């Protein structure tokens, strides 16, 4: 039985850049989509080990610009103590091929984002890029429902793996 994509009502988005690889007809992608313990432009701080897929097996779909009607790839989420990475491939469909070519041509003029559902969070403070202490939402348990290529995202301090 296939898993049906159901968009939760309280879905939010975060962003980061990407890296592409090709092996014959397979178009791989590795995108750092979250940095842990780093404040983003939404004043959120994601804790290490807080992200998990909303699907079994740590799988997650790749969709175009958060449009769930445009599934363009699939992969898994891998994390360490510093970051979360989408590792997967573009589908061998017209939409997947077109998305891959667009992402490849845009290069560093785009980032990656993710749609998520907050299961647990708290209020806290964090030092921002100006060295000032600011109020933040600390994300402690988050279900990731999708990862997306976007132009600009909340996670401005992310990097290409």
Protein backbone atom coordinates (compact mmCIF):
# COMPACT_ATOMS: atom_id res chain seq x y z
CA UNK A 1 0.00 0.00 0.00
CA UNK A 2 1.46 3.37 -0.97
CA UNK A 3 1.79 6.22 1.49
CA UNK A 4 -0.54 9.11 0.65
CA UNK A 5 0.75 12.65 0.98
CA UNK A 6 -1.51 14.53 3.37
CA UNK A 7 -0.58 18.12 4.10
CA UNK A 8 -0.93 18.88 7.83
CA UNK A 9 -2.79 22.11 8.65
CA UNK A 10 0.06 23.51 10.77
CA UNK A 11 2.85 23.02 8.20
CA UNK A 12 5.84 25.41 8.23
CA UNK A 13 8.88 25.81 5.97
CA UNK A 14 12.69 26.17 6.33
CA UNK A 15 15.38 26.58 3.67
CA UNK A 16 18.99 25.76 2.60
CA UNK A 17 21.23 25.21 -0.54
CA UNK A 18 22.12 22.02 -2.52
CA UNK A 19 24.63 19.82 -4.40
CA UNK A 20 23.85 17.73 -7.51
CA UNK A 21 25.52 14.57 -8.86
CA UNK A 22 24.88 12.48 -11.97
CA UNK A 23 25.47 8.77 -12.58
CA UNK A 24 24.17 7.88 -16.02
CA UNK A 25 20.43 8.63 -16.04
CA UNK A 26 20.19 8.91 -12.25
CA UNK A 27 20.28 12.46 -10.92
CA UNK A 28 21.31 12.52 -7.25
CA UNK A 29 20.96 15.39 -4.86
CA UNK A 30 22.34 16.15 -1.41
CA UNK A 31 20.88 19.22 0.26
CA UNK A 32 21.67 20.57 3.70
CA UNK A 33 18.20 21.75 4.67
CA UNK A 34 18.72 22.53 8.36
CA UNK A 35 21.56 23.62 10.61
CA UNK A 36 21.18 22.77 14.27
CA UNK A 37 21.54 25.23 17.14
CA UNK A 38 21.66 28.10 14.64
CA UNK A 39 19.12 30.92 14.55
CA UNK A 40 17.34 31.36 11.22
CA UNK A 41 15.48 34.33 9.76
CA UNK A 42 12.22 33.10 11.34
CA UNK A 43 13.90 33.26 14.78
CA UNK A 44 13.72 29.47 15.09
CA UNK A 45 16.53 27.34 16.49
CA UNK A 46 16.37 23.66 15.57
CA UNK A 47 17.93 21.33 18.14
CA UNK A 48 20.16 18.42 17.08
CA UNK A 49 18.24 15.12 16.86
CA UNK A 50 14.92 16.97 16.65
CA UNK A 51 14.10 16.28 12.98
CA UNK A 52 12.49 13.08 11.78
CA UNK A 53 10.57 12.08 8.71
CA UNK A 54 6.81 11.95 8.85
CA UNK A 55 7.09 8.70 6.86
CA UNK A 56 8.46 5.27 7.76
CA UNK A 57 12.10 4.49 7.07
CA UNK A 58 13.16 8.15 7.31
CA UNK A 59 11.93 8.61 3.72
CA UNK A 60 10.81 12.00 2.48
CA UNK A 61 9.52 13.29 -0.88
CA UNK A 62 11.18 16.07 -2.87
CA UNK A 63 8.56 18.52 -4.16
CA UNK A 64 8.83 21.65 -6.29
CA UNK A 65 8.64 24.87 -4.23
CA UNK A 66 6.38 23.29 -1.55
CA UNK A 67 3.74 22.39 -4.17
CA UNK A 68 2.63 18.92 -3.12
CA UNK A 69 1.03 18.34 -6.53
CA UNK A 70 4.55 18.50 -8.06
CA UNK A 71 6.51 15.57 -6.62
CA UNK A 72 9.94 15.60 -8.31
CA UNK A 73 12.04 13.21 -6.24
CA UNK A 74 12.45 11.05 -3.18
CA UNK A 75 15.11 10.38 -0.61
CA UNK A 76 15.96 10.04 3.04
CA UNK A 77 16.92 12.35 5.88
CA UNK A 78 20.37 11.93 7.44
CA UNK A 79 21.47 13.96 10.44
CA UNK A 80 24.55 14.48 12.56
CA UNK A 81 25.10 16.86 15.47
CA UNK A 82 25.35 19.89 13.15
CA UNK A 83 22.94 19.47 10.23
CA UNK A 84 20.14 17.63 8.46
CA UNK A 85 20.71 16.47 4.88
CA UNK A 86 18.26 15.30 2.23
CA UNK A 87 19.96 12.52 0.23
CA UNK A 88 18.04 11.25 -2.74
CA UNK A 89 17.35 11.56 -6.41
CA UNK A 90 15.09 13.26 -8.90
CA UNK A 91 12.36 11.03 -10.33
CA UNK A 92 12.78 9.75 -13.88
CA UNK A 93 9.66 11.67 -14.94
CA UNK A 94 9.25 14.79 -17.07
CA UNK A 95 8.68 16.87 -13.91
CA UNK A 96 11.74 15.31 -12.25
CA UNK A 97 13.96 15.92 -15.27
CA UNK A 98 12.76 19.50 -15.66
CA UNK A 99 13.29 20.21 -11.95
CA UNK A 100 16.79 18.73 -12.06
CA UNK A 101 17.74 20.91 -15.06
CA UNK A 102 16.31 24.03 -13.40
CA UNK A 103 18.13 23.36 -10.12
CA UNK A 104 21.35 22.66 -12.02
CA UNK A 105 21.10 25.91 -14.01
CA UNK A 106 20.21 28.03 -10.96
CA UNK A 107 23.27 26.75 -9.04
CA UNK A 108 23.97 29.04 -6.06
CA UNK A 109 20.97 31.31 -6.75
CA UNK A 110 18.66 28.96 -4.84
CA UNK A 111 18.33 27.15 -1.59
CA UNK A 112 16.39 24.25 -0.10
CA UNK A 113 13.46 24.38 2.24
CA UNK A 114 11.42 21.83 4.12
CA UNK A 115 7.80 21.54 5.13
CA UNK A 116 7.41 20.43 8.72
CA UNK A 117 5.03 19.97 11.61
CA UNK A 118 6.14 21.04 15.08
CA UNK A 119 5.43 18.32 17.62
CA UNK A 120 7.28 19.99 20.52
CA UNK A 121 8.86 23.43 20.94
CA UNK A 122 9.75 25.87 23.66
CA UNK A 123 10.60 29.55 24.03
CA UNK A 124 14.19 30.59 24.56
CA UNK A 125 16.85 33.11 23.58
CA UNK A 126 19.77 32.90 21.17
CA UNK A 127 22.57 35.18 19.98
CA UNK A 128 21.82 36.51 16.48
CA UNK A 129 24.30 37.50 13.73
CA UNK A 130 24.64 40.98 15.28
CA UNK A 131 25.69 39.50 18.62
CA UNK A 132 22.41 40.42 20.27
CA UNK A 133 20.34 38.07 22.42
CA UNK A 134 16.91 37.63 20.83
CA UNK A 135 13.81 35.58 21.67
CA UNK A 136 13.50 32.36 19.65
CA UNK A 137 11.30 29.33 19.22
CA UNK A 138 13.35 26.22 20.01
CA UNK A 139 12.26 23.31 17.80
CA UNK A 140 12.67 20.12 19.84
CA UNK A 141 10.58 17.55 17.91
CA UNK A 142 9.72 18.11 14.26
CA UNK A 143 8.15 15.87 11.60
CA UNK A 144 9.51 16.65 8.13
CA UNK A 145 6.87 16.05 5.43
CA UNK A 146 8.79 17.27 2.37
CA UNK A 147 11.95 18.95 1.12
CA UNK A 148 11.81 21.56 -1.68
CA UNK A 149 14.07 23.59 -3.96
CA UNK A 150 13.23 27.31 -3.44
CA UNK A 151 14.83 30.65 -4.32
CA UNK A 152 15.36 32.05 -0.80
CA UNK A 153 14.86 30.39 2.54
CA UNK A 154 14.91 30.98 6.25
CA UNK A 155 18.17 29.09 6.89
CA UNK A 156 20.60 31.71 5.54
CA UNK A 157 23.65 30.24 7.33
CA UNK A 158 23.39 26.86 5.60
CA UNK A 159 25.95 25.49 3.16
CA UNK A 160 26.48 23.12 0.26
CA UNK A 161 27.62 19.70 1.42
